[in-house]
Amino acid sequence: MTETILAQAVGTKADQWRERIAEQERTVVSVKQFCKQHGLTEYSFYAWRKRLRKPAPVRFALVERGVLPGPSTETSLELVLTSGERLRIAAGVDAATLRTVLEALRG
């Protein structure tokens, strides 16, 4: 339970920094001036900006291969995400489309 609370706190802090960074980018004020106006340190601003720009790793809980029961019998690969969601990939899927989907999952 402590881990959940900690994860929520970190998520909230990351959300706050994400909004601050976006706000600074919408203004014509320099980072130095923005930080001074908002009582922030430049070090923290740049550290959070760097941290938030890193793509999050995609983590999969399980990869099953084979024909799955259901409406589509053409599914040749199913990715089960750690959230429990399933991504079914049909045989012959366009590689560019698959790359786009995987990039969306990372972001």
PDB file of N, CA and C in Angstrom:
ATOM      1  N   MET A   1       0.824  -1.188   0.000  1.00  0.00           N
ATOM      2  CA  MET A   1       0.000   0.000   0.000  1.00  0.00           C
ATOM      3  C   MET A   1       0.872   1.257   0.000  1.00  0.00           C
ATOM      4  N   THR A   2       1.962   1.216   0.751  1.00  0.00           N
ATOM      5  CA  THR A   2       2.876   2.348   0.776  1.00  0.00           C
ATOM      6  C   THR A   2       3.424   2.622  -0.616  1.00  0.00           C
ATOM      7  N   GLU A   3       3.715   1.554  -1.365  1.00  0.00           N
ATOM      8  CA  GLU A   3       4.227   1.714  -2.727  1.00  0.00           C
ATOM      9  C   GLU A   3       3.204   2.401  -3.612  1.00  0.00           C
ATOM     10  N   THR A   4       1.924   2.076  -3.432  1.00  0.00           N
ATOM     11  CA  THR A   4       0.865   2.693  -4.219  1.00  0.00           C
ATOM     12  C   THR A   4       0.786   4.181  -3.926  1.00  0.00           C
ATOM     13  N   ILE A   5       0.825   4.539  -2.658  1.00  0.00           N
ATOM     14  CA  ILE A   5       0.777   5.948  -2.268  1.00  0.00           C
ATOM     15  C   ILE A   5       1.995   6.675  -2.811  1.00  0.00           C
ATOM     16  N   LEU A   6       3.162   6.047  -2.709  1.00  0.00           N
ATOM     17  CA  LEU A   6       4.384   6.652  -3.222  1.00  0.00           C
ATOM     18  C   LEU A   6       4.296   6.826  -4.735  1.00  0.00           C
ATOM     19  N   ALA A   7       3.797   5.839  -5.434  1.00  0.00           N
ATOM     20  CA  ALA A   7       3.659   5.926  -6.893  1.00  0.00           C
ATOM     21  C   ALA A   7       2.700   7.046  -7.271  1.00  0.00           C
ATOM     22  N   GLN A   8       1.615   7.209  -6.508  1.00  0.00           N
ATOM     23  CA  GLN A   8       0.665   8.277  -6.788  1.00  0.00           C
ATOM     24  C   GLN A   8       1.311   9.639  -6.539  1.00  0.00           C
ATOM     25  N   ALA A   9       2.102   9.736  -5.477  1.00  0.00           N
ATOM     26  CA  ALA A   9       2.774  11.003  -5.172  1.00  0.00           C
ATOM     27  C   ALA A   9       3.769  11.355  -6.264  1.00  0.00           C
ATOM     28  N   VAL A  10       4.528  10.373  -6.733  1.00  0.00           N
ATOM     29  CA  VAL A  10       5.492  10.626  -7.799  1.00  0.00           C
ATOM     30  C   VAL A  10       4.757  11.017  -9.072  1.00  0.00           C
ATOM     31  N   GLY A  11       3.659  10.320  -9.369  1.00  0.00           N
ATOM     32  CA  GLY A  11       2.860  10.644 -10.537  1.00  0.00           C
ATOM     33  C   GLY A  11       2.333  12.064 -10.463  1.00  0.00           C
ATOM     34  N   THR A  12       1.885  12.473  -9.281  1.00  0.00           N
ATOM     35  CA  THR A  12       1.372  13.822  -9.094  1.00  0.00           C
ATOM     36  C   THR A  12       2.490  14.839  -9.287  1.00  0.00           C
ATOM     37  N   LYS A  13       3.646  14.556  -8.738  1.00  0.00           N
ATOM     38  CA  LYS A  13       4.784  15.466  -8.883  1.00  0.00           C
ATOM     39  C   LYS A  13       5.198  15.561 -10.354  1.00  0.00           C
ATOM     40  N   ALA A  14       5.233  14.416 -11.032  1.00  0.00           N
ATOM     41  CA  ALA A  14       5.578  14.416 -12.455  1.00  0.00           C
ATOM     42  C   ALA A  14       4.554  15.210 -13.248  1.00  0.00           C
ATOM     43  N   ASP A  15       3.279  15.072 -12.906  1.00  0.00           N
ATOM     44  CA  ASP A  15       2.230  15.827 -13.589  1.00  0.00           C
ATOM     45  C   ASP A  15       2.409  17.328 -13.361  1.00  0.00           C
ATOM     46  N   GLN A  16       2.760  17.699 -12.133  1.00  0.00           N
ATOM     47  CA  GLN A  16       2.986  19.114 -11.827  1.00  0.00           C
ATOM     48  C   GLN A  16       4.146  19.661 -12.656  1.00  0.00           C
ATOM     49  N   TRP A  17       5.222  18.899 -12.722  1.00  0.00           N
ATOM     50  CA  TRP A  17       6.380  19.355 -13.493  1.00  0.00           C
ATOM     51  C   TRP A  17       6.074  19.373 -14.985  1.00  0.00           C
ATOM     52  N   ARG A  18       5.311  18.407 -15.446  1.00  0.00           N
ATOM     53  CA  ARG A  18       4.930  18.380 -16.865  1.00  0.00           C
ATOM     54  C   ARG A  18       4.164  19.654 -17.218  1.00  0.00           C
ATOM     55  N   GLU A  19       3.271  20.074 -16.337  1.00  0.00           N
ATOM     56  CA  GLU A  19       2.484  21.295 -16.563  1.00  0.00           C
ATOM     57  C   GLU A  19       3.377  22.535 -16.489  1.00  0.00           C
ATOM     58  N   ARG A  20       4.286  22.568 -15.513  1.00  0.00           N
ATOM     59  CA  ARG A  20       5.205  23.716 -15.410  1.00  0.00           C
ATOM     60  C   ARG A  20       6.047  23.867 -16.674  1.00  0.00           C
ATOM     61  N   ILE A  21       6.582  22.755 -17.152  1.00  0.00           N
ATOM     62  CA  ILE A  21       7.432  22.777 -18.347  1.00  0.00           C
ATOM     63  C   ILE A  21       6.625  23.229 -19.553  1.00  0.00           C
ATOM     64  N   ALA A  22       5.411  22.723 -19.678  1.00  0.00           N
ATOM     65  CA  ALA A  22       4.548  23.132 -20.790  1.00  0.00           C
ATOM     66  C   ALA A  22       4.221  24.616 -20.700  1.00  0.00           C
ATOM     67  N   GLU A  23       3.976  25.092 -19.485  1.00  0.00           N
ATOM     68  CA  GLU A  23       3.678  26.513 -19.292  1.00  0.00           C
ATOM     69  C   GLU A  23       4.864  27.376 -19.707  1.00  0.00           C
ATOM     70  N   GLN A  24       6.060  26.974 -19.316  1.00  0.00           N
ATOM     71  CA  GLN A  24       7.252  27.742 -19.688  1.00  0.00           C
ATOM     72  C   GLN A  24       7.431  27.760 -21.197  1.00  0.00           C
ATOM     73  N   GLU A  25       7.165  26.626 -21.856  1.00  0.00           N
ATOM     74  CA  GLU A  25       7.329  26.548 -23.307  1.00  0.00           C
ATOM     75  C   GLU A  25       6.317  27.423 -24.042  1.00  0.00           C
ATOM     76  N   ARG A  26       5.161  27.677 -23.428  1.00  0.00           N
ATOM     77  CA  ARG A  26       4.133  28.528 -24.050  1.00  0.00           C
ATOM     78  C   ARG A  26       4.458  30.013 -23.901  1.00  0.00           C
ATOM     79  N   THR A  27       5.368  30.334 -23.010  1.00  0.00           N
ATOM     80  CA  THR A  27       5.697  31.744 -22.768  1.00  0.00           C
ATOM     81  C   THR A  27       6.939  32.139 -23.569  1.00  0.00           C
ATOM     82  N   VAL A  28       7.205  33.422 -23.566  1.00  0.00           N
ATOM     83  CA  VAL A  28       8.425  33.919 -24.215  1.00  0.00           C
ATOM     84  C   VAL A  28       9.502  34.184 -23.172  1.00  0.00           C
ATOM     85  N   VAL A  29       9.226  33.799 -21.941  1.00  0.00           N
ATOM     86  CA  VAL A  29      10.143  34.019 -20.826  1.00  0.00           C
ATOM     87  C   VAL A  29      11.208  32.925 -20.832  1.00  0.00           C
ATOM     88  N   SER A  30      12.443  33.296 -20.511  1.00  0.00           N
ATOM     89  CA  SER A  30      13.519  32.313 -20.435  1.00  0.00           C
ATOM     90  C   SER A  30      13.278  31.373 -19.257  1.00  0.00           C
ATOM     91  N   VAL A  31      13.966  30.247 -19.278  1.00  0.00           N
ATOM     92  CA  VAL A  31      13.844  29.282 -18.182  1.00  0.00           C
ATOM     93  C   VAL A  31      14.288  29.943 -16.876  1.00  0.00           C
ATOM     94  N   LYS A  32      15.348  30.705 -16.935  1.00  0.00           N
ATOM     95  CA  LYS A  32      15.870  31.374 -15.739  1.00  0.00           C
ATOM     96  C   LYS A  32      14.813  32.310 -15.142  1.00  0.00           C
ATOM     97  N   GLN A  33      14.199  33.128 -15.993  1.00  0.00           N
ATOM     98  CA  GLN A  33      13.171  34.051 -15.515  1.00  0.00           C
ATOM     99  C   GLN A  33      11.935  33.294 -15.007  1.00  0.00           C
ATOM    100  N   PHE A  34      11.526  32.268 -15.723  1.00  0.00           N
ATOM    101  CA  PHE A  34      10.360  31.474 -15.340  1.00  0.00           C
ATOM    102  C   PHE A  34      10.571  30.860 -13.958  1.00  0.00           C
ATOM    103  N   CYS A  35      11.741  30.281 -13.754  1.00  0.00           N
ATOM    104  CA  CYS A  35      12.039  29.647 -12.463  1.00  0.00           C
ATOM    105  C   CYS A  35      12.035  30.677 -11.332  1.00  0.00           C
ATOM    106  N   LYS A  36      12.598  31.845 -11.611  1.00  0.00           N
ATOM    107  CA  LYS A  36      12.644  32.905 -10.596  1.00  0.00           C
ATOM    108  C   LYS A  36      11.222  33.355 -10.242  1.00  0.00           C
ATOM    109  N   GLN A  37      10.367  33.510 -11.254  1.00  0.00           N
ATOM    110  CA  GLN A  37       8.991  33.948 -11.030  1.00  0.00           C
ATOM    111  C   GLN A  37       8.163  32.920 -10.254  1.00  0.00           C
ATOM    112  N   HIS A  38       8.489  31.642 -10.427  1.00  0.00           N
ATOM    113  CA  HIS A  38       7.706  30.582  -9.800  1.00  0.00           C
ATOM    114  C   HIS A  38       8.389  29.942  -8.591  1.00  0.00           C
ATOM    115  N   GLY A  39       9.513  30.500  -8.173  1.00  0.00           N
ATOM    116  CA  GLY A  39      10.211  29.984  -6.998  1.00  0.00           C
ATOM    117  C   GLY A  39      10.791  28.595  -7.197  1.00  0.00           C
ATOM    118  N   LEU A  40      11.281  28.331  -8.400  1.00  0.00           N
ATOM    119  CA  LEU A  40      11.861  27.028  -8.738  1.00  0.00           C
ATOM    120  C   LEU A  40      13.349  27.183  -8.977  1.00  0.00           C
ATOM    121  N   THR A  41      14.081  26.095  -8.828  1.00  0.00           N
ATOM    122  CA  THR A  41      15.498  26.147  -9.180  1.00  0.00           C
ATOM    123  C   THR A  41      15.650  25.703 -10.632  1.00  0.00           C
ATOM    124  N   GLU A  42      16.592  26.315 -11.307  1.00  0.00           N
ATOM    125  CA  GLU A  42      16.858  25.923 -12.695  1.00  0.00           C
ATOM    126  C   GLU A  42      17.296  24.460 -12.758  1.00  0.00           C
ATOM    127  N   TYR A  43      18.074  24.041 -11.780  1.00  0.00           N
ATOM    128  CA  TYR A  43      18.535  22.649 -11.751  1.00  0.00           C
ATOM    129  C   TYR A  43      17.345  21.685 -11.763  1.00  0.00           C
ATOM    130  N   SER A  44      16.367  21.946 -10.886  1.00  0.00           N
ATOM    131  CA  SER A  44      15.183  21.082 -10.823  1.00  0.00           C
ATOM    132  C   SER A  44      14.408  21.116 -12.129  1.00  0.00           C
ATOM    133  N   PHE A  45      14.268  22.304 -12.697  1.00  0.00           N
ATOM    134  CA  PHE A  45      13.535  22.443 -13.953  1.00  0.00           C
ATOM    135  C   PHE A  45      14.166  21.586 -15.050  1.00  0.00           C
ATOM    136  N   TYR A  46      15.475  21.753 -15.223  1.00  0.00           N
ATOM    137  CA  TYR A  46      16.163  21.008 -16.282  1.00  0.00           C
ATOM    138  C   TYR A  46      16.190  19.505 -15.996  1.00  0.00           C
ATOM    139  N   ALA A  47      16.345  19.143 -14.729  1.00  0.00           N
ATOM    140  CA  ALA A  47      16.366  17.718 -14.376  1.00  0.00           C
ATOM    141  C   ALA A  47      15.019  17.075 -14.676  1.00  0.00           C
ATOM    142  N   TRP A  48      13.924  17.740 -14.309  1.00  0.00           N
ATOM    143  CA  TRP A  48      12.596  17.190 -14.579  1.00  0.00           C
ATOM    144  C   TRP A  48      12.295  17.173 -16.082  1.00  0.00           C
ATOM    145  N   ARG A  49      12.726  18.197 -16.772  1.00  0.00           N
ATOM    146  CA  ARG A  49      12.483  18.230 -18.226  1.00  0.00           C
ATOM    147  C   ARG A  49      13.193  17.062 -18.902  1.00  0.00           C
ATOM    148  N   LYS A  50      14.420  16.796 -18.495  1.00  0.00           N
ATOM    149  CA  LYS A  50      15.161  15.672 -19.056  1.00  0.00           C
ATOM    150  C   LYS A  50      14.487  14.353 -18.690  1.00  0.00           C
ATOM    151  N   ARG A  51      14.091  14.223 -17.445  1.00  0.00           N
ATOM    152  CA  ARG A  51      13.456  12.992 -16.966  1.00  0.00           C
ATOM    153  C   ARG A  51      12.142  12.718 -17.712  1.00  0.00           C
ATOM    154  N   LEU A  52      11.346  13.752 -17.921  1.00  0.00           N
ATOM    155  CA  LEU A  52      10.046  13.577 -18.563  1.00  0.00           C
ATOM    156  C   LEU A  52      10.150  13.376 -20.071  1.00  0.00           C
ATOM    157  N   ARG A  53      11.260  13.732 -20.664  1.00  0.00           N
ATOM    158  CA  ARG A  53      11.434  13.535 -22.101  1.00  0.00           C
ATOM    159  C   ARG A  53      11.874  12.120 -22.456  1.00  0.00           C
ATOM    160  N   LYS A  54      12.355  11.382 -21.460  1.00  0.00           N
ATOM    161  CA  LYS A  54      12.775  10.001 -21.714  1.00  0.00           C
ATOM    162  C   LYS A  54      11.535   9.151 -21.969  1.00  0.00           C
ATOM    163  N   PRO A  55      11.554   8.354 -23.013  1.00  0.00           N
ATOM    164  CA  PRO A  55      10.397   7.492 -23.258  1.00  0.00           C
ATOM    165  C   PRO A  55      10.312   6.401 -22.190  1.00  0.00           C
ATOM    166  N   ALA A  56       9.112   6.141 -21.752  1.00  0.00           N
ATOM    167  CA  ALA A  56       8.897   5.089 -20.755  1.00  0.00           C
ATOM    168  C   ALA A  56       9.048   3.732 -21.427  1.00  0.00           C
ATOM    169  N   PRO A  57       9.665   2.793 -20.738  1.00  0.00           N
ATOM    170  CA  PRO A  57       9.823   1.470 -21.339  1.00  0.00           C
ATOM    171  C   PRO A  57       8.478   0.765 -21.458  1.00  0.00           C
ATOM    172  N   VAL A  58       8.337  -0.020 -22.499  1.00  0.00           N
ATOM    173  CA  VAL A  58       7.140  -0.824 -22.673  1.00  0.00           C
ATOM    174  C   VAL A  58       7.390  -2.148 -21.988  1.00  0.00           C
ATOM    175  N   ARG A  59       6.485  -2.515 -21.105  1.00  0.00           N
ATOM    176  CA  ARG A  59       6.644  -3.765 -20.368  1.00  0.00           C
ATOM    177  C   ARG A  59       5.458  -4.659 -20.673  1.00  0.00           C
ATOM    178  N   PHE A  60       5.758  -5.859 -21.054  1.00  0.00           N
ATOM    179  CA  PHE A  60       4.725  -6.833 -21.354  1.00  0.00           C
ATOM    180  C   PHE A  60       4.786  -7.937 -20.319  1.00  0.00           C
ATOM    181  N   ALA A  61       3.622  -8.380 -19.892  1.00  0.00           N
ATOM    182  CA  ALA A  61       3.569  -9.431 -18.901  1.00  0.00           C
ATOM    183  C   ALA A  61       3.718 -10.802 -19.537  1.00  0.00           C
ATOM    184  N   LEU A  62       3.187 -10.962 -20.736  1.00  0.00           N
ATOM    185  CA  LEU A  62       3.135 -12.278 -21.331  1.00  0.00           C
ATOM    186  C   LEU A  62       2.986 -12.139 -22.838  1.00  0.00           C
ATOM    187  N   VAL A  63       3.640 -12.983 -23.558  1.00  0.00           N
ATOM    188  CA  VAL A  63       3.475 -13.021 -25.005  1.00  0.00           C
ATOM    189  C   VAL A  63       3.048 -14.429 -25.370  1.00  0.00           C
ATOM    190  N   GLU A  64       1.870 -14.515 -25.986  1.00  0.00           N
ATOM    191  CA  GLU A  64       1.361 -15.803 -26.429  1.00  0.00           C
ATOM    192  C   GLU A  64       1.289 -15.794 -27.947  1.00  0.00           C
ATOM    193  N   ARG A  65       1.618 -16.914 -28.536  1.00  0.00           N
ATOM    194  CA  ARG A  65       1.553 -16.990 -29.979  1.00  0.00           C
ATOM    195  C   ARG A  65       0.654 -18.154 -30.352  1.00  0.00           C
ATOM    196  N   GLY A  66      -0.185 -17.920 -31.334  1.00  0.00           N
ATOM    197  CA  GLY A  66      -1.070 -18.983 -31.793  1.00  0.00           C
ATOM    198  C   GLY A  66      -2.442 -18.447 -32.129  1.00  0.00           C
ATOM    199  N   VAL A  67      -3.299 -19.311 -32.557  1.00  0.00           N
ATOM    200  CA  VAL A  67      -4.657 -18.934 -32.900  1.00  0.00           C
ATOM    201  C   VAL A  67      -5.470 -18.852 -31.625  1.00  0.00           C
ATOM    202  N   LEU A  68      -6.191 -17.754 -31.470  1.00  0.00           N
ATOM    203  CA  LEU A  68      -6.969 -17.524 -30.274  1.00  0.00           C
ATOM    204  C   LEU A  68      -8.455 -17.661 -30.576  1.00  0.00           C
ATOM    205  N   PRO A  69      -9.214 -18.175 -29.644  1.00  0.00           N
ATOM    206  CA  PRO A  69     -10.652 -18.244 -29.859  1.00  0.00           C
ATOM    207  C   PRO A  69     -11.240 -16.847 -29.856  1.00  0.00           C
ATOM    208  N   GLY A  70     -12.260 -16.638 -30.617  1.00  0.00           N
ATOM    209  CA  GLY A  70     -12.890 -15.322 -30.658  1.00  0.00           C
ATOM    210  C   GLY A  70     -13.330 -15.009 -32.065  1.00  0.00           C
ATOM    211  N   PRO A  71     -13.731 -13.760 -32.266  1.00  0.00           N
ATOM    212  CA  PRO A  71     -14.281 -13.379 -33.569  1.00  0.00           C
ATOM    213  C   PRO A  71     -13.281 -13.493 -34.712  1.00  0.00           C
ATOM    214  N   SER A  72     -12.016 -13.260 -34.452  1.00  0.00           N
ATOM    215  CA  SER A  72     -11.029 -13.307 -35.522  1.00  0.00           C
ATOM    216  C   SER A  72     -10.170 -14.556 -35.381  1.00  0.00           C
ATOM    217  N   THR A  73     -10.163 -15.383 -36.397  1.00  0.00           N
ATOM    218  CA  THR A  73      -9.322 -16.578 -36.363  1.00  0.00           C
ATOM    219  C   THR A  73      -7.989 -16.322 -37.044  1.00  0.00           C
ATOM    220  N   GLU A  74      -7.786 -15.088 -37.528  1.00  0.00           N
ATOM    221  CA  GLU A  74      -6.544 -14.755 -38.217  1.00  0.00           C
ATOM    222  C   GLU A  74      -5.482 -14.204 -37.283  1.00  0.00           C
ATOM    223  N   THR A  75      -5.778 -14.047 -36.015  1.00  0.00           N
ATOM    224  CA  THR A  75      -4.809 -13.512 -35.074  1.00  0.00           C
ATOM    225  C   THR A  75      -3.645 -14.489 -34.930  1.00  0.00           C
ATOM    226  N   SER A  76      -2.437 -13.985 -35.131  1.00  0.00           N
ATOM    227  CA  SER A  76      -1.287 -14.866 -35.010  1.00  0.00           C
ATOM    228  C   SER A  76      -0.418 -14.518 -33.813  1.00  0.00           C
ATOM    229  N   LEU A  77      -0.671 -13.356 -33.190  1.00  0.00           N
ATOM    230  CA  LEU A  77       0.129 -12.942 -32.041  1.00  0.00           C
ATOM    231  C   LEU A  77      -0.744 -12.104 -31.119  1.00  0.00           C
ATOM    232  N   GLU A  78      -0.628 -12.365 -29.832  1.00  0.00           N
ATOM    233  CA  GLU A  78      -1.350 -11.566 -28.856  1.00  0.00           C
ATOM    234  C   GLU A  78      -0.381 -11.135 -27.780  1.00  0.00           C
ATOM    235  N   LEU A  79      -0.319  -9.828 -27.528  1.00  0.00           N
ATOM    236  CA  LEU A  79       0.510  -9.279 -26.456  1.00  0.00           C
ATOM    237  C   LEU A  79      -0.411  -8.947 -25.297  1.00  0.00           C
ATOM    238  N   VAL A  80      -0.067  -9.442 -24.126  1.00  0.00           N
ATOM    239  CA  VAL A  80      -0.835  -9.139 -22.929  1.00  0.00           C
ATOM    240  C   VAL A  80      -0.013  -8.149 -22.111  1.00  0.00           C
ATOM    241  N   LEU A  81      -0.532  -6.953 -21.951  1.00  0.00           N
ATOM    242  CA  LEU A  81       0.176  -5.910 -21.232  1.00  0.00           C
ATOM    243  C   LEU A  81       0.053  -6.128 -19.731  1.00  0.00           C
ATOM    244  N   THR A  82       0.920  -5.516 -18.960  1.00  0.00           N
ATOM    245  CA  THR A  82       0.883  -5.669 -17.506  1.00  0.00           C
ATOM    246  C   THR A  82      -0.426  -5.157 -16.931  1.00  0.00           C
ATOM    247  N   SER A  83      -1.104  -4.281 -17.640  1.00  0.00           N
ATOM    248  CA  SER A  83      -2.397  -3.760 -17.186  1.00  0.00           C
ATOM    249  C   SER A  83      -3.520  -4.759 -17.413  1.00  0.00           C
ATOM    250  N   GLY A  84      -3.224  -5.862 -18.133  1.00  0.00           N
ATOM    251  CA  GLY A  84      -4.234  -6.861 -18.431  1.00  0.00           C
ATOM    252  C   GLY A  84      -4.860  -6.685 -19.800  1.00  0.00           C
ATOM    253  N   GLU A  85      -4.582  -5.558 -20.425  1.00  0.00           N
ATOM    254  CA  GLU A  85      -5.111  -5.324 -21.766  1.00  0.00           C
ATOM    255  C   GLU A  85      -4.396  -6.221 -22.761  1.00  0.00           C
ATOM    256  N   ARG A  86      -5.108  -6.578 -23.822  1.00  0.00           N
ATOM    257  CA  ARG A  86      -4.556  -7.474 -24.831  1.00  0.00           C
ATOM    258  C   ARG A  86      -4.483  -6.759 -26.177  1.00  0.00           C
ATOM    259  N   LEU A  87      -3.385  -6.964 -26.856  1.00  0.00           N
ATOM    260  CA  LEU A  87      -3.185  -6.414 -28.182  1.00  0.00           C
ATOM    261  C   LEU A  87      -3.061  -7.587 -29.135  1.00  0.00           C
ATOM    262  N   ARG A  88      -4.058  -7.756 -29.982  1.00  0.00           N
ATOM    263  CA  ARG A  88      -4.053  -8.859 -30.941  1.00  0.00           C
ATOM    264  C   ARG A  88      -3.539  -8.353 -32.275  1.00  0.00           C
ATOM    265  N   ILE A  89      -2.550  -9.055 -32.799  1.00  0.00           N
ATOM    266  CA  ILE A  89      -1.902  -8.648 -34.051  1.00  0.00           C
ATOM    267  C   ILE A  89      -2.196  -9.715 -35.091  1.00  0.00           C
ATOM    268  N   ALA A  90      -2.860  -9.301 -36.149  1.00  0.00           N
ATOM    269  CA  ALA A  90      -3.249 -10.232 -37.201  1.00  0.00           C
ATOM    270  C   ALA A  90      -2.049 -10.583 -38.071  1.00  0.00           C
ATOM    271  N   ALA A  91      -2.131 -11.741 -38.676  1.00  0.00           N
ATOM    272  CA  ALA A  91      -1.093 -12.171 -39.615  1.00  0.00           C
ATOM    273  C   ALA A  91      -1.057 -11.179 -40.772  1.00  0.00           C
ATOM    274  N   GLY A  92       0.124 -10.844 -41.215  1.00  0.00           N
ATOM    275  CA  GLY A  92       0.278  -9.941 -42.356  1.00  0.00           C
ATOM    276  C   GLY A  92       0.107  -8.473 -42.022  1.00  0.00           C
ATOM    277  N   VAL A  93       0.163  -8.104 -40.740  1.00  0.00           N
ATOM    278  CA  VAL A  93       0.013  -6.701 -40.377  1.00  0.00           C
ATOM    279  C   VAL A  93       1.156  -5.895 -40.985  1.00  0.00           C
ATOM    280  N   ASP A  94       0.843  -4.684 -41.383  1.00  0.00           N
ATOM    281  CA  ASP A  94       1.833  -3.785 -41.954  1.00  0.00           C
ATOM    282  C   ASP A  94       2.853  -3.402 -40.876  1.00  0.00           C
ATOM    283  N   ALA A  95       4.130  -3.553 -41.168  1.00  0.00           N
ATOM    284  CA  ALA A  95       5.190  -3.296 -40.194  1.00  0.00           C
ATOM    285  C   ALA A  95       5.165  -1.850 -39.695  1.00  0.00           C
ATOM    286  N   ALA A  96       4.887  -0.907 -40.584  1.00  0.00           N
ATOM    287  CA  ALA A  96       4.846   0.503 -40.183  1.00  0.00           C
ATOM    288  C   ALA A  96       3.705   0.753 -39.198  1.00  0.00           C
ATOM    289  N   THR A  97       2.581   0.122 -39.426  1.00  0.00           N
ATOM    290  CA  THR A  97       1.438   0.266 -38.519  1.00  0.00           C
ATOM    291  C   THR A  97       1.772  -0.317 -37.153  1.00  0.00           C
ATOM    292  N   LEU A  98       2.394  -1.466 -37.141  1.00  0.00           N
ATOM    293  CA  LEU A  98       2.775  -2.095 -35.883  1.00  0.00           C
ATOM    294  C   LEU A  98       3.765  -1.216 -35.123  1.00  0.00           C
ATOM    295  N   ARG A  99       4.730  -0.628 -35.832  1.00  0.00           N
ATOM    296  CA  ARG A  99       5.680   0.287 -35.186  1.00  0.00           C
ATOM    297  C   ARG A  99       4.946   1.480 -34.567  1.00  0.00           C
ATOM    298  N   THR A 100       3.961   2.014 -35.274  1.00  0.00           N
ATOM    299  CA  THR A 100       3.192   3.154 -34.774  1.00  0.00           C
ATOM    300  C   THR A 100       2.453   2.788 -33.505  1.00  0.00           C
ATOM    301  N   VAL A 101       1.853   1.611 -33.472  1.00  0.00           N
ATOM    302  CA  VAL A 101       1.127   1.154 -32.288  1.00  0.00           C
ATOM    303  C   VAL A 101       2.086   0.978 -31.119  1.00  0.00           C
ATOM    304  N   LEU A 102       3.218   0.381 -31.356  1.00  0.00           N
ATOM    305  CA  LEU A 102       4.192   0.158 -30.275  1.00  0.00           C
ATOM    306  C   LEU A 102       4.739   1.488 -29.754  1.00  0.00           C
ATOM    307  N   GLU A 103       4.950   2.453 -30.641  1.00  0.00           N
ATOM    308  CA  GLU A 103       5.410   3.772 -30.203  1.00  0.00           C
ATOM    309  C   GLU A 103       4.347   4.446 -29.331  1.00  0.00           C
ATOM    310  N   ALA A 104       3.080   4.279 -29.707  1.00  0.00           N
ATOM    311  CA  ALA A 104       1.988   4.853 -28.922  1.00  0.00           C
ATOM    312  C   ALA A 104       1.942   4.228 -27.529  1.00  0.00           C
ATOM    313  N   LEU A 105       2.214   2.956 -27.437  1.00  0.00           N
ATOM    314  CA  LEU A 105       2.232   2.285 -26.139  1.00  0.00           C
ATOM    315  C   LEU A 105       3.368   2.794 -25.268  1.00  0.00           C
ATOM    316  N   ARG A 106       4.472   3.134 -25.885  1.00  0.00           N
ATOM    317  CA  ARG A 106       5.614   3.662 -25.128  1.00  0.00           C
ATOM    318  C   ARG A 106       5.326   5.048 -24.596  1.00  0.00           C
ATOM    319  N   GLY A 107       4.595   5.836 -25.315  1.00  0.00           N
ATOM    320  CA  GLY A 107       4.321   7.227 -24.939  1.00  0.00           C
ATOM    321  C   GLY A 107       3.203   7.325 -24.043  1.00  0.00           C
TER     322      GLY A 107
END
